[in-house]
Amino acid sequence: MVNSSWYVYVIRATDGSLYTGITTDVERRFTQHKNKQGAKYFLGRTPQEVVYKEGCSDRSQASRREYAIKALTKKQKEKLIANYVRT
């Protein structure tokens, strides 16, 4: 496990869509999304749960990983989530 100061995370919305972002505190960020203080993505959607979280050593690494995950197809993201061991 990486000594994490940054995380890349995936949230499933109630409509089944997946949102990927980065933060230093996943729980705080999820709460912000639920309270409509986060990404514009959730203005028309409701975040349901964090389904994936991956620690990164710094913001740059987290941003690169976020980009890579966003480039995946929905099917590939679902596979990533299915293989995720929650910590």
Protein backbone atom coordinates (compact mmCIF):
# COMPACT_ATOMS: atom_id res chain seq x y z
CA MET A 1 0.00 0.00 0.00
CA VAL A 2 1.22 3.44 -0.91
CA ASN A 3 1.70 5.94 1.93
CA SER A 4 -1.16 8.05 0.61
CA SER A 5 -1.65 11.74 0.82
CA TRP A 6 -3.87 11.83 -2.29
CA TYR A 7 -6.57 9.46 -3.51
CA VAL A 8 -8.34 8.78 -6.75
CA TYR A 9 -11.92 7.66 -6.17
CA VAL A 10 -14.99 6.53 -8.08
CA ILE A 11 -18.54 7.31 -6.95
CA ARG A 12 -21.59 5.51 -8.27
CA ALA A 13 -24.60 7.78 -8.69
CA THR A 14 -28.19 6.62 -8.19
CA ASP A 15 -28.63 6.60 -11.99
CA GLY A 16 -25.81 4.02 -12.26
CA SER A 17 -23.27 6.42 -13.73
CA LEU A 18 -19.72 6.61 -12.40
CA TYR A 19 -17.80 9.74 -11.42
CA THR A 20 -14.01 9.75 -10.95
CA GLY A 21 -12.11 12.41 -9.00
CA ILE A 22 -9.11 13.07 -6.74
CA THR A 23 -8.86 14.37 -3.19
CA THR A 24 -6.88 14.21 0.03
CA ASP A 25 -9.96 13.11 2.01
CA VAL A 26 -12.44 10.81 0.26
CA GLU A 27 -15.11 10.88 2.98
CA ARG A 28 -15.11 14.70 3.15
CA ARG A 29 -15.29 14.96 -0.64
CA PHE A 30 -18.17 12.46 -0.84
CA THR A 31 -20.08 14.55 1.72
CA GLN A 32 -19.42 17.67 -0.36
CA HIS A 33 -20.78 15.92 -3.45
CA LYS A 34 -23.90 14.82 -1.51
CA ASN A 35 -24.44 18.41 -0.33
CA LYS A 36 -24.08 19.79 -3.89
CA GLN A 37 -20.81 21.53 -2.94
CA GLY A 38 -18.66 19.32 -5.16
CA ALA A 39 -18.50 18.69 -8.88
CA LYS A 40 -21.06 20.10 -11.29
CA TYR A 41 -21.54 16.47 -12.39
CA PHE A 42 -23.76 15.95 -9.33
CA LEU A 43 -26.05 18.93 -9.92
CA GLY A 44 -28.38 16.63 -11.88
CA ARG A 45 -27.42 13.38 -10.18
CA THR A 46 -27.30 12.01 -6.66
CA PRO A 47 -24.11 10.34 -5.42
CA GLN A 48 -24.87 6.93 -3.92
CA GLU A 49 -21.60 5.47 -2.67
CA VAL A 50 -17.83 5.45 -3.08
CA VAL A 51 -17.18 2.23 -4.98
CA TYR A 52 -13.43 2.56 -5.53
CA LYS A 53 -10.55 4.30 -3.79
CA GLU A 54 -6.84 4.13 -4.61
CA GLY A 55 -4.04 5.78 -2.68
CA CYS A 56 -1.41 7.81 -4.53
CA SER A 57 1.82 9.34 -3.27
CA ASP A 58 1.16 12.86 -4.56
CA ARG A 59 -1.29 15.01 -6.52
CA SER A 60 0.52 14.42 -9.80
CA GLN A 61 0.26 10.65 -9.50
CA ALA A 62 -3.40 10.92 -8.49
CA SER A 63 -4.14 13.14 -11.51
CA ARG A 64 -2.43 10.70 -13.88
CA ARG A 65 -4.38 7.77 -12.42
CA GLU A 66 -7.65 9.75 -12.59
CA TYR A 67 -7.00 10.43 -16.27
CA ALA A 68 -6.30 6.72 -16.90
CA ILE A 69 -9.49 5.63 -15.14
CA LYS A 70 -11.59 8.22 -16.95
CA ALA A 71 -10.26 6.84 -20.24
CA LEU A 72 -11.66 3.38 -19.44
CA THR A 73 -14.98 2.20 -20.83
CA LYS A 74 -17.86 1.73 -18.40
CA LYS A 75 -17.37 -2.04 -18.67
CA GLN A 76 -13.68 -1.70 -17.80
CA LYS A 77 -14.52 0.57 -14.85
CA GLU A 78 -17.07 -1.97 -13.59
CA LYS A 79 -14.37 -4.66 -13.76
CA LEU A 80 -11.95 -2.42 -11.82
CA ILE A 81 -14.64 -1.88 -9.17
CA ALA A 82 -15.52 -5.60 -9.03
CA ASN A 83 -11.86 -6.45 -8.34
CA TYR A 84 -11.49 -3.74 -5.71
CA VAL A 85 -10.86 -4.91 -2.16
CA ARG A 86 -12.41 -2.28 0.13
CA THR A 87 -10.18 -0.92 2.86
